[in-house]
Structure formats: C-alpha cells, structure tokens
C-alpha cells in the first residue's frame, strides 16, 4: 500500500514540474554521475534540482518574489 501511495505522490510532483534542456561540460556530467554512484542522490536530475534550490536559497534576497506562493521546496 505504501508503494502505491508513494508512486501517486511522485506522479503528482512530476506533473507539476517542467522539463528544461541543460548543456553541461563532460567533466561536470561525470561528477554528477559520480554523486549518484556514491548514493548521494538517486538521479542526476535530483542532484541538479538540489543545486538549483541551493543557488536560489543563496540568492533569494536579491530576487524579487513575483507572488506569495513562491516556494523553494519540492
């Protein structure tokens, strides 16, 4: 039962995300893949999302919020 509930939550999260294309140097991709192999992240995508969240949190003071619904949590 837990697995089906978790799958539903993950599906809902995926539906609320947009896909972007990102080009990175081979060395950066290799380092991201190493983080995944070491078990620090489940996927390269999650590692990139984590880095983006960290950047946005770091710079949030200099970014004007467009709405009160703005959230860095996923």
N, C-alpha and C. Protein backbone atom coordinates (compact mmCIF):
# COMPACT_ATOMS: atom_id res chain seq x y z
N UNK A 1 0.82 -1.19 0.00
CA UNK A 1 0.00 0.00 0.00
C UNK A 1 0.87 1.26 0.00
N UNK A 2 1.92 1.26 0.82
CA UNK A 2 2.81 2.42 0.89
C UNK A 2 3.40 2.74 -0.48
N UNK A 3 3.83 1.69 -1.21
CA UNK A 3 4.43 1.90 -2.52
C UNK A 3 3.46 2.58 -3.48
N UNK A 4 2.20 2.19 -3.48
CA UNK A 4 1.23 2.80 -4.38
C UNK A 4 0.96 4.25 -4.01
N UNK A 5 0.94 4.55 -2.71
CA UNK A 5 0.76 5.95 -2.27
C UNK A 5 1.96 6.79 -2.68
N UNK A 6 3.16 6.25 -2.48
CA UNK A 6 4.38 6.96 -2.85
C UNK A 6 4.43 7.20 -4.35
N UNK A 7 4.04 6.21 -5.13
CA UNK A 7 4.01 6.36 -6.58
C UNK A 7 3.06 7.47 -6.99
N UNK A 8 1.91 7.56 -6.33
CA UNK A 8 0.94 8.62 -6.62
C UNK A 8 1.49 10.00 -6.32
N UNK A 9 2.20 10.12 -5.19
CA UNK A 9 2.79 11.40 -4.81
C UNK A 9 3.87 11.79 -5.82
N UNK A 10 4.71 10.85 -6.18
CA UNK A 10 5.78 11.13 -7.16
C UNK A 10 5.18 11.52 -8.49
N UNK A 11 4.13 10.84 -8.92
CA UNK A 11 3.47 11.18 -10.18
C UNK A 11 2.94 12.60 -10.14
N UNK A 12 2.34 12.99 -9.03
CA UNK A 12 1.81 14.34 -8.88
C UNK A 12 2.93 15.37 -8.94
N UNK A 13 4.05 15.10 -8.29
CA UNK A 13 5.19 16.02 -8.34
C UNK A 13 5.73 16.16 -9.75
N UNK A 14 5.83 15.05 -10.47
CA UNK A 14 6.34 15.10 -11.84
C UNK A 14 5.42 15.91 -12.72
N UNK A 15 4.11 15.81 -12.50
CA UNK A 15 3.16 16.56 -13.30
C UNK A 15 3.28 18.06 -13.06
N UNK A 16 3.77 18.47 -11.88
CA UNK A 16 3.86 19.88 -11.58
C UNK A 16 5.21 20.48 -11.98
N UNK A 17 6.13 19.67 -12.48
CA UNK A 17 7.45 20.16 -12.90
C UNK A 17 7.48 20.35 -14.41
N UNK A 18 8.30 21.30 -14.84
CA UNK A 18 8.52 21.49 -16.26
C UNK A 18 9.90 20.96 -16.62
N UNK A 19 10.03 20.52 -17.84
CA UNK A 19 11.30 19.99 -18.32
C UNK A 19 12.08 21.11 -19.02
N UNK A 20 13.38 21.16 -18.75
CA UNK A 20 14.25 22.09 -19.45
C UNK A 20 15.42 21.31 -20.04
N UNK A 21 16.06 21.89 -21.02
CA UNK A 21 17.26 21.30 -21.60
C UNK A 21 18.46 22.06 -21.06
N UNK A 22 19.45 21.32 -20.61
CA UNK A 22 20.62 21.91 -20.00
C UNK A 22 21.86 21.27 -20.61
N UNK A 23 22.77 22.10 -21.07
CA UNK A 23 24.03 21.59 -21.62
C UNK A 23 25.14 21.86 -20.62
N UNK A 24 25.89 20.80 -20.29
CA UNK A 24 26.99 20.91 -19.34
C UNK A 24 28.24 20.26 -19.94
N UNK A 25 29.41 20.71 -19.51
CA UNK A 25 30.65 20.06 -19.96
C UNK A 25 30.70 18.61 -19.47
N UNK A 26 31.39 17.77 -20.22
CA UNK A 26 31.51 16.35 -19.87
C UNK A 26 32.01 16.15 -18.44
N UNK A 27 32.95 16.97 -18.00
CA UNK A 27 33.52 16.82 -16.66
C UNK A 27 32.45 17.03 -15.59
N UNK A 28 31.59 18.02 -15.77
CA UNK A 28 30.53 18.26 -14.78
C UNK A 28 29.52 17.13 -14.77
N UNK A 29 29.20 16.61 -15.93
CA UNK A 29 28.27 15.47 -16.00
C UNK A 29 28.88 14.26 -15.31
N UNK A 30 30.15 14.02 -15.54
CA UNK A 30 30.83 12.89 -14.89
C UNK A 30 30.80 13.04 -13.37
N UNK A 31 31.00 14.25 -12.87
CA UNK A 31 30.96 14.47 -11.42
C UNK A 31 29.55 14.26 -10.86
N UNK A 32 28.53 14.71 -11.60
CA UNK A 32 27.15 14.48 -11.17
C UNK A 32 26.85 12.98 -11.13
N UNK A 33 27.29 12.27 -12.15
CA UNK A 33 27.07 10.81 -12.20
C UNK A 33 27.80 10.12 -11.05
N UNK A 34 28.95 10.63 -10.67
CA UNK A 34 29.69 10.07 -9.53
C UNK A 34 28.92 10.27 -8.22
N UNK A 35 28.29 11.43 -8.07
CA UNK A 35 27.45 11.67 -6.89
C UNK A 35 26.33 10.64 -6.80
N UNK A 36 25.75 10.31 -7.95
CA UNK A 36 24.68 9.30 -7.99
C UNK A 36 25.26 7.92 -7.65
N UNK A 37 26.39 7.58 -8.24
CA UNK A 37 27.00 6.27 -7.96
C UNK A 37 27.36 6.13 -6.48
N UNK A 38 27.77 7.24 -5.85
CA UNK A 38 28.14 7.22 -4.44
C UNK A 38 26.92 7.22 -3.52
N UNK A 39 25.72 7.29 -4.11
CA UNK A 39 24.50 7.24 -3.32
C UNK A 39 24.08 8.55 -2.70
N UNK A 40 24.72 9.65 -3.11
CA UNK A 40 24.36 10.95 -2.54
C UNK A 40 23.04 11.47 -3.10
N UNK A 41 22.68 11.05 -4.30
CA UNK A 41 21.42 11.43 -4.95
C UNK A 41 20.89 10.22 -5.70
N UNK A 42 19.56 10.12 -5.82
CA UNK A 42 19.00 8.99 -6.55
C UNK A 42 19.20 9.10 -8.06
N UNK A 43 19.24 10.33 -8.57
CA UNK A 43 19.39 10.55 -10.01
C UNK A 43 20.20 11.82 -10.25
N UNK A 44 20.72 11.95 -11.46
CA UNK A 44 21.41 13.18 -11.84
C UNK A 44 20.43 14.35 -11.80
N UNK A 45 19.20 14.13 -12.23
CA UNK A 45 18.20 15.19 -12.20
C UNK A 45 18.00 15.73 -10.79
N UNK A 46 17.94 14.83 -9.81
CA UNK A 46 17.75 15.28 -8.43
C UNK A 46 18.97 16.05 -7.95
N UNK A 47 20.16 15.66 -8.36
CA UNK A 47 21.37 16.39 -7.98
C UNK A 47 21.33 17.81 -8.55
N UNK A 48 20.89 17.94 -9.79
CA UNK A 48 20.79 19.27 -10.41
C UNK A 48 19.71 20.09 -9.72
N UNK A 49 18.56 19.48 -9.42
CA UNK A 49 17.49 20.21 -8.72
C UNK A 49 17.99 20.70 -7.36
N UNK A 50 18.76 19.87 -6.66
CA UNK A 50 19.30 20.26 -5.36
C UNK A 50 20.24 21.47 -5.52
N UNK A 51 21.07 21.44 -6.55
CA UNK A 51 21.99 22.56 -6.79
C UNK A 51 21.22 23.84 -7.12
N UNK A 52 20.15 23.72 -7.89
CA UNK A 52 19.34 24.89 -8.24
C UNK A 52 18.66 25.44 -6.99
N UNK A 53 18.09 24.55 -6.16
CA UNK A 53 17.46 25.00 -4.91
C UNK A 53 18.46 25.74 -4.03
N UNK A 54 19.66 25.20 -3.92
CA UNK A 54 20.70 25.84 -3.10
C UNK A 54 21.06 27.21 -3.65
N UNK A 55 21.20 27.33 -4.96
CA UNK A 55 21.50 28.61 -5.59
C UNK A 55 20.39 29.62 -5.32
N UNK A 56 19.15 29.19 -5.49
CA UNK A 56 18.01 30.09 -5.28
C UNK A 56 17.90 30.51 -3.83
N UNK A 57 18.15 29.61 -2.91
CA UNK A 57 18.12 29.97 -1.49
C UNK A 57 19.22 30.97 -1.17
N UNK A 58 20.38 30.75 -1.74
CA UNK A 58 21.52 31.64 -1.50
C UNK A 58 21.26 33.04 -2.03
N UNK A 59 20.59 33.11 -3.18
CA UNK A 59 20.37 34.39 -3.84
C UNK A 59 18.96 34.93 -3.67
N UNK A 60 18.15 34.29 -2.85
CA UNK A 60 16.74 34.69 -2.71
C UNK A 60 16.60 36.15 -2.29
N UNK A 61 17.52 36.67 -1.51
CA UNK A 61 17.45 38.05 -1.08
C UNK A 61 17.56 39.04 -2.22
N UNK A 62 18.23 38.65 -3.30
CA UNK A 62 18.39 39.56 -4.41
C UNK A 62 17.39 39.31 -5.54
N UNK A 63 16.51 38.33 -5.33
CA UNK A 63 15.50 38.00 -6.34
C UNK A 63 14.15 38.50 -5.84
N UNK A 64 13.48 39.29 -6.66
CA UNK A 64 12.16 39.80 -6.28
C UNK A 64 11.13 38.69 -6.46
N UNK A 65 10.36 38.41 -5.41
CA UNK A 65 9.29 37.42 -5.50
C UNK A 65 8.17 37.98 -6.36
N UNK A 66 7.65 37.13 -7.24
CA UNK A 66 6.54 37.56 -8.09
C UNK A 66 5.20 37.25 -7.43
N UNK A 67 5.19 36.32 -6.47
CA UNK A 67 3.93 36.00 -5.78
C UNK A 67 4.24 35.48 -4.40
N UNK A 68 3.23 35.43 -3.56
CA UNK A 68 3.39 34.91 -2.21
C UNK A 68 3.47 33.37 -2.23
N UNK A 69 3.12 32.75 -3.36
CA UNK A 69 3.15 31.29 -3.47
C UNK A 69 4.51 30.75 -3.82
N UNK A 70 5.50 31.62 -3.98
CA UNK A 70 6.85 31.21 -4.35
C UNK A 70 7.41 30.27 -3.27
N UNK A 71 7.92 29.13 -3.69
CA UNK A 71 8.48 28.17 -2.75
C UNK A 71 9.69 27.50 -3.34
N UNK A 72 10.70 27.25 -2.50
CA UNK A 72 11.89 26.54 -2.94
C UNK A 72 11.77 25.06 -2.65
N UNK A 73 10.71 24.64 -1.97
CA UNK A 73 10.52 23.24 -1.62
C UNK A 73 9.87 22.51 -2.78
N UNK A 74 10.22 21.23 -2.90
CA UNK A 74 9.60 20.38 -3.91
C UNK A 74 8.97 19.21 -3.22
